[in-house]
Amino acid sequence: MQHTSDIQALTVPEAMAALRISRNKIYDLMRTKKLPSFTIGRARRIPATAVRTFMHQQLEEEH
């Protein structure tokens, strides 16, 4: 079981930096549900686990 301190929600700029892709590409991935995200008020957040899962899926597709 994960502790609350282990769970991270990234901002769009943080996800952009983690994946080294543009803002438009991040929003495209969120819109197509390839990168899960959620909204709190007006703030969009991306679970860090979703970024890791996305990277693993991309690696699997290439091999």
PDB file of N, CA and C in Angstrom:
ATOM      1  N   MET A   1       0.838  -1.191   0.000  1.00  0.00           N
ATOM      2  CA  MET A   1       0.000   0.000   0.000  1.00  0.00           C
ATOM      3  C   MET A   1       0.880   1.251   0.000  1.00  0.00           C
ATOM      4  N   GLN A   2       0.547   2.204  -0.874  1.00  0.00           N
ATOM      5  CA  GLN A   2       1.334   3.426  -0.953  1.00  0.00           C
ATOM      6  C   GLN A   2       0.900   4.414   0.115  1.00  0.00           C
ATOM      7  N   HIS A   3       1.874   5.137   0.632  1.00  0.00           N
ATOM      8  CA  HIS A   3       1.575   6.214   1.564  1.00  0.00           C
ATOM      9  C   HIS A   3       1.249   7.461   0.763  1.00  0.00           C
ATOM     10  N   THR A   4       0.486   8.347   1.334  1.00  0.00           N
ATOM     11  CA  THR A   4       0.119   9.582   0.647  1.00  0.00           C
ATOM     12  C   THR A   4       1.336  10.350   0.168  1.00  0.00           C
ATOM     13  N   SER A   5       2.421  10.325   0.938  1.00  0.00           N
ATOM     14  CA  SER A   5       3.628  11.054   0.549  1.00  0.00           C
ATOM     15  C   SER A   5       4.302  10.458  -0.687  1.00  0.00           C
ATOM     16  N   ASP A   6       3.975   9.199  -1.044  1.00  0.00           N
ATOM     17  CA  ASP A   6       4.564   8.543  -2.210  1.00  0.00           C
ATOM     18  C   ASP A   6       3.840   8.896  -3.502  1.00  0.00           C
ATOM     19  N   ILE A   7       2.630   9.403  -3.410  1.00  0.00           N
ATOM     20  CA  ILE A   7       1.815   9.699  -4.578  1.00  0.00           C
ATOM     21  C   ILE A   7       2.085  11.127  -5.025  1.00  0.00           C
ATOM     22  N   GLN A   8       2.317  11.291  -6.330  1.00  0.00           N
ATOM     23  CA  GLN A   8       2.588  12.624  -6.854  1.00  0.00           C
ATOM     24  C   GLN A   8       1.640  12.949  -7.990  1.00  0.00           C
ATOM     25  N   ALA A   9       1.189  14.181  -8.025  1.00  0.00           N
ATOM     26  CA  ALA A   9       0.398  14.701  -9.130  1.00  0.00           C
ATOM     27  C   ALA A   9       1.225  15.792  -9.789  1.00  0.00           C
ATOM     28  N   LEU A  10       1.479  15.617 -11.069  1.00  0.00           N
ATOM     29  CA  LEU A  10       2.316  16.552 -11.811  1.00  0.00           C
ATOM     30  C   LEU A  10       1.475  17.617 -12.505  1.00  0.00           C
ATOM     31  N   THR A  11       2.038  18.800 -12.623  1.00  0.00           N
ATOM     32  CA  THR A  11       1.423  19.844 -13.437  1.00  0.00           C
ATOM     33  C   THR A  11       1.739  19.536 -14.901  1.00  0.00           C
ATOM     34  N   VAL A  12       1.061  20.216 -15.798  1.00  0.00           N
ATOM     35  CA  VAL A  12       1.349  20.031 -17.224  1.00  0.00           C
ATOM     36  C   VAL A  12       2.813  20.363 -17.529  1.00  0.00           C
ATOM     37  N   PRO A  13       3.371  21.485 -17.047  1.00  0.00           N
ATOM     38  CA  PRO A  13       4.785  21.755 -17.312  1.00  0.00           C
ATOM     39  C   PRO A  13       5.726  20.679 -16.741  1.00  0.00           C
ATOM     40  N   GLU A  14       5.388  20.115 -15.590  1.00  0.00           N
ATOM     41  CA  GLU A  14       6.223  19.046 -15.023  1.00  0.00           C
ATOM     42  C   GLU A  14       6.158  17.791 -15.884  1.00  0.00           C
ATOM     43  N   ALA A  15       4.973  17.454 -16.383  1.00  0.00           N
ATOM     44  CA  ALA A  15       4.842  16.299 -17.280  1.00  0.00           C
ATOM     45  C   ALA A  15       5.568  16.548 -18.596  1.00  0.00           C
ATOM     46  N   MET A  16       5.488  17.786 -19.084  1.00  0.00           N
ATOM     47  CA  MET A  16       6.225  18.152 -20.302  1.00  0.00           C
ATOM     48  C   MET A  16       7.712  17.923 -20.102  1.00  0.00           C
ATOM     49  N   ALA A  17       8.229  18.353 -18.966  1.00  0.00           N
ATOM     50  CA  ALA A  17       9.654  18.201 -18.672  1.00  0.00           C
ATOM     51  C   ALA A  17      10.023  16.736 -18.500  1.00  0.00           C
ATOM     52  N   ALA A  18       9.171  15.978 -17.836  1.00  0.00           N
ATOM     53  CA  ALA A  18       9.460  14.565 -17.603  1.00  0.00           C
ATOM     54  C   ALA A  18       9.537  13.785 -18.913  1.00  0.00           C
ATOM     55  N   LEU A  19       8.641  14.101 -19.849  1.00  0.00           N
ATOM     56  CA  LEU A  19       8.595  13.380 -21.123  1.00  0.00           C
ATOM     57  C   LEU A  19       9.358  14.090 -22.240  1.00  0.00           C
ATOM     58  N   ARG A  20       9.795  15.324 -21.965  1.00  0.00           N
ATOM     59  CA  ARG A  20      10.520  16.130 -22.959  1.00  0.00           C
ATOM     60  C   ARG A  20       9.703  16.316 -24.236  1.00  0.00           C
ATOM     61  N   ILE A  21       8.406  16.676 -24.044  1.00  0.00           N
ATOM     62  CA  ILE A  21       7.527  16.920 -25.184  1.00  0.00           C
ATOM     63  C   ILE A  21       6.798  18.247 -24.975  1.00  0.00           C
ATOM     64  N   SER A  22       6.155  18.708 -26.024  1.00  0.00           N
ATOM     65  CA  SER A  22       5.507  20.020 -25.997  1.00  0.00           C
ATOM     66  C   SER A  22       4.180  19.999 -25.228  1.00  0.00           C
ATOM     67  N   ARG A  23       3.739  21.185 -24.883  1.00  0.00           N
ATOM     68  CA  ARG A  23       2.447  21.359 -24.211  1.00  0.00           C
ATOM     69  C   ARG A  23       1.323  20.795 -25.086  1.00  0.00           C
ATOM     70  N   ASN A  24       1.368  21.090 -26.387  1.00  0.00           N
ATOM     71  CA  ASN A  24       0.331  20.591 -27.291  1.00  0.00           C
ATOM     72  C   ASN A  24       0.278  19.071 -27.291  1.00  0.00           C
ATOM     73  N   LYS A  25       1.435  18.419 -27.276  1.00  0.00           N
ATOM     74  CA  LYS A  25       1.473  16.960 -27.279  1.00  0.00           C
ATOM     75  C   LYS A  25       0.908  16.403 -25.974  1.00  0.00           C
ATOM     76  N   ILE A  26       1.218  17.036 -24.833  1.00  0.00           N
ATOM     77  CA  ILE A  26       0.665  16.593 -23.543  1.00  0.00           C
ATOM     78  C   ILE A  26      -0.864  16.676 -23.589  1.00  0.00           C
ATOM     79  N   TYR A  27      -1.396  17.798 -24.041  1.00  0.00           N
ATOM     80  CA  TYR A  27      -2.852  17.955 -24.102  1.00  0.00           C
ATOM     81  C   TYR A  27      -3.469  16.975 -25.099  1.00  0.00           C
ATOM     82  N   ASP A  28      -2.773  16.686 -26.205  1.00  0.00           N
ATOM     83  CA  ASP A  28      -3.246  15.695 -27.168  1.00  0.00           C
ATOM     84  C   ASP A  28      -3.321  14.312 -26.508  1.00  0.00           C
ATOM     85  N   LEU A  29      -2.291  13.946 -25.750  1.00  0.00           N
ATOM     86  CA  LEU A  29      -2.284  12.653 -25.062  1.00  0.00           C
ATOM     87  C   LEU A  29      -3.392  12.578 -24.012  1.00  0.00           C
ATOM     88  N   MET A  30      -3.653  13.672 -23.321  1.00  0.00           N
ATOM     89  CA  MET A  30      -4.732  13.684 -22.331  1.00  0.00           C
ATOM     90  C   MET A  30      -6.094  13.590 -23.026  1.00  0.00           C
ATOM     91  N   ARG A  31      -6.257  14.312 -24.118  1.00  0.00           N
ATOM     92  CA  ARG A  31      -7.531  14.315 -24.844  1.00  0.00           C
ATOM     93  C   ARG A  31      -7.861  12.926 -25.395  1.00  0.00           C
ATOM     94  N   THR A  32      -6.841  12.199 -25.850  1.00  0.00           N
ATOM     95  CA  THR A  32      -7.056  10.868 -26.425  1.00  0.00           C
ATOM     96  C   THR A  32      -6.999   9.764 -25.367  1.00  0.00           C
ATOM     97  N   LYS A  33      -6.900  10.168 -24.094  1.00  0.00           N
ATOM     98  CA  LYS A  33      -6.897   9.237 -22.949  1.00  0.00           C
ATOM     99  C   LYS A  33      -5.666   8.328 -22.903  1.00  0.00           C
ATOM    100  N   LYS A  34      -4.629   8.696 -23.629  1.00  0.00           N
ATOM    101  CA  LYS A  34      -3.375   7.938 -23.558  1.00  0.00           C
ATOM    102  C   LYS A  34      -2.573   8.316 -22.321  1.00  0.00           C
ATOM    103  N   LEU A  35      -2.847   9.498 -21.795  1.00  0.00           N
ATOM    104  CA  LEU A  35      -2.208   9.976 -20.574  1.00  0.00           C
ATOM    105  C   LEU A  35      -3.323  10.452 -19.637  1.00  0.00           C
ATOM    106  N   PRO A  36      -3.681   9.618 -18.655  1.00  0.00           N
ATOM    107  CA  PRO A  36      -4.772   9.989 -17.748  1.00  0.00           C
ATOM    108  C   PRO A  36      -4.449  11.262 -16.962  1.00  0.00           C
ATOM    109  N   SER A  37      -5.487  12.028 -16.695  1.00  0.00           N
ATOM    110  CA  SER A  37      -5.324  13.249 -15.910  1.00  0.00           C
ATOM    111  C   SER A  37      -6.632  13.533 -15.194  1.00  0.00           C
ATOM    112  N   PHE A  38      -6.573  14.482 -14.282  1.00  0.00           N
ATOM    113  CA  PHE A  38      -7.772  14.896 -13.564  1.00  0.00           C
ATOM    114  C   PHE A  38      -7.693  16.386 -13.297  1.00  0.00           C
ATOM    115  N   THR A  39      -8.850  16.960 -12.975  1.00  0.00           N
ATOM    116  CA  THR A  39      -8.945  18.391 -12.729  1.00  0.00           C
ATOM    117  C   THR A  39      -9.386  18.643 -11.296  1.00  0.00           C
ATOM    118  N   ILE A  40      -8.714  19.581 -10.660  1.00  0.00           N
ATOM    119  CA  ILE A  40      -9.131  20.078  -9.356  1.00  0.00           C
ATOM    120  C   ILE A  40      -9.354  21.565  -9.543  1.00  0.00           C
ATOM    121  N   GLY A  41     -10.605  21.974  -9.481  1.00  0.00           N
ATOM    122  CA  GLY A  41     -10.911  23.365  -9.795  1.00  0.00           C
ATOM    123  C   GLY A  41     -10.569  23.621 -11.251  1.00  0.00           C
ATOM    124  N   ARG A  42      -9.666  24.558 -11.478  1.00  0.00           N
ATOM    125  CA  ARG A  42      -9.221  24.845 -12.845  1.00  0.00           C
ATOM    126  C   ARG A  42      -7.852  24.248 -13.140  1.00  0.00           C
ATOM    127  N   ALA A  43      -7.291  23.528 -12.183  1.00  0.00           N
ATOM    128  CA  ALA A  43      -5.941  22.979 -12.329  1.00  0.00           C
ATOM    129  C   ALA A  43      -5.983  21.550 -12.854  1.00  0.00           C
ATOM    130  N   ARG A  44      -5.259  21.287 -13.919  1.00  0.00           N
ATOM    131  CA  ARG A  44      -5.149  19.954 -14.496  1.00  0.00           C
ATOM    132  C   ARG A  44      -3.929  19.287 -13.889  1.00  0.00           C
ATOM    133  N   ARG A  45      -4.071  18.030 -13.449  1.00  0.00           N
ATOM    134  CA  ARG A  45      -2.975  17.278 -12.852  1.00  0.00           C
ATOM    135  C   ARG A  45      -2.860  15.910 -13.509  1.00  0.00           C
ATOM    136  N   ILE A  46      -1.632  15.424 -13.585  1.00  0.00           N
ATOM    137  CA  ILE A  46      -1.330  14.131 -14.191  1.00  0.00           C
ATOM    138  C   ILE A  46      -0.623  13.291 -13.135  1.00  0.00           C
ATOM    139  N   PRO A  47      -1.175  12.136 -12.795  1.00  0.00           N
ATOM    140  CA  PRO A  47      -0.490  11.293 -11.813  1.00  0.00           C
ATOM    141  C   PRO A  47       0.888  10.869 -12.331  1.00  0.00           C
ATOM    142  N   ALA A  48       1.883  10.929 -11.461  1.00  0.00           N
ATOM    143  CA  ALA A  48       3.233  10.512 -11.855  1.00  0.00           C
ATOM    144  C   ALA A  48       3.229   9.057 -12.313  1.00  0.00           C
ATOM    145  N   THR A  49       2.390   8.240 -11.711  1.00  0.00           N
ATOM    146  CA  THR A  49       2.297   6.836 -12.128  1.00  0.00           C
ATOM    147  C   THR A  49       1.792   6.727 -13.561  1.00  0.00           C
ATOM    148  N   ALA A  50       0.932   7.655 -13.989  1.00  0.00           N
ATOM    149  CA  ALA A  50       0.429   7.644 -15.361  1.00  0.00           C
ATOM    150  C   ALA A  50       1.548   7.945 -16.352  1.00  0.00           C
ATOM    151  N   VAL A  51       2.452   8.830 -15.976  1.00  0.00           N
ATOM    152  CA  VAL A  51       3.601   9.141 -16.835  1.00  0.00           C
ATOM    153  C   VAL A  51       4.496   7.912 -16.965  1.00  0.00           C
ATOM    154  N   ARG A  52       4.771   7.244 -15.843  1.00  0.00           N
ATOM    155  CA  ARG A  52       5.600   6.033 -15.890  1.00  0.00           C
ATOM    156  C   ARG A  52       4.934   4.933 -16.718  1.00  0.00           C
ATOM    157  N   THR A  53       3.632   4.749 -16.529  1.00  0.00           N
ATOM    158  CA  THR A  53       2.896   3.740 -17.296  1.00  0.00           C
ATOM    159  C   THR A  53       2.944   4.056 -18.779  1.00  0.00           C
ATOM    160  N   PHE A  54       2.754   5.315 -19.132  1.00  0.00           N
ATOM    161  CA  PHE A  54       2.812   5.732 -20.537  1.00  0.00           C
ATOM    162  C   PHE A  54       4.177   5.406 -21.138  1.00  0.00           C
ATOM    163  N   MET A  55       5.242   5.697 -20.402  1.00  0.00           N
ATOM    164  CA  MET A  55       6.597   5.420 -20.909  1.00  0.00           C
ATOM    165  C   MET A  55       6.792   3.922 -21.123  1.00  0.00           C
ATOM    166  N   HIS A  56       6.346   3.104 -20.185  1.00  0.00           N
ATOM    167  CA  HIS A  56       6.477   1.648 -20.324  1.00  0.00           C
ATOM    168  C   HIS A  56       5.685   1.134 -21.526  1.00  0.00           C
ATOM    169  N   GLN A  57       4.484   1.668 -21.737  1.00  0.00           N
ATOM    170  CA  GLN A  57       3.680   1.271 -22.891  1.00  0.00           C
ATOM    171  C   GLN A  57       4.364   1.633 -24.200  1.00  0.00           C
ATOM    172  N   GLN A  58       4.976   2.803 -24.235  1.00  0.00           N
ATOM    173  CA  GLN A  58       5.676   3.229 -25.443  1.00  0.00           C
ATOM    174  C   GLN A  58       6.853   2.295 -25.733  1.00  0.00           C
ATOM    175  N   LEU A  59       7.574   1.920 -24.687  1.00  0.00           N
ATOM    176  CA  LEU A  59       8.696   0.998 -24.854  1.00  0.00           C
ATOM    177  C   LEU A  59       8.240  -0.358 -25.358  1.00  0.00           C
ATOM    178  N   GLU A  60       7.121  -0.854 -24.819  1.00  0.00           N
ATOM    179  CA  GLU A  60       6.600  -2.153 -25.236  1.00  0.00           C
ATOM    180  C   GLU A  60       6.159  -2.128 -26.686  1.00  0.00           C
ATOM    181  N   GLU A  61       5.575  -1.019 -27.131  1.00  0.00           N
ATOM    182  CA  GLU A  61       5.122  -0.894 -28.522  1.00  0.00           C
ATOM    183  C   GLU A  61       6.292  -0.933 -29.495  1.00  0.00           C
ATOM    184  N   GLU A  62       7.441  -0.446 -29.069  1.00  0.00           N
ATOM    185  CA  GLU A  62       8.598  -0.391 -29.945  1.00  0.00           C
ATOM    186  C   GLU A  62       9.322  -1.722 -30.061  1.00  0.00           C
ATOM    187  N   HIS A  63       9.050  -2.636 -29.132  1.00  0.00           N
ATOM    188  CA  HIS A  63       9.763  -3.921 -29.140  1.00  0.00           C
ATOM    189  C   HIS A  63       8.861  -5.072 -29.446  1.00  0.00           C
TER     190      HIS A  63
END
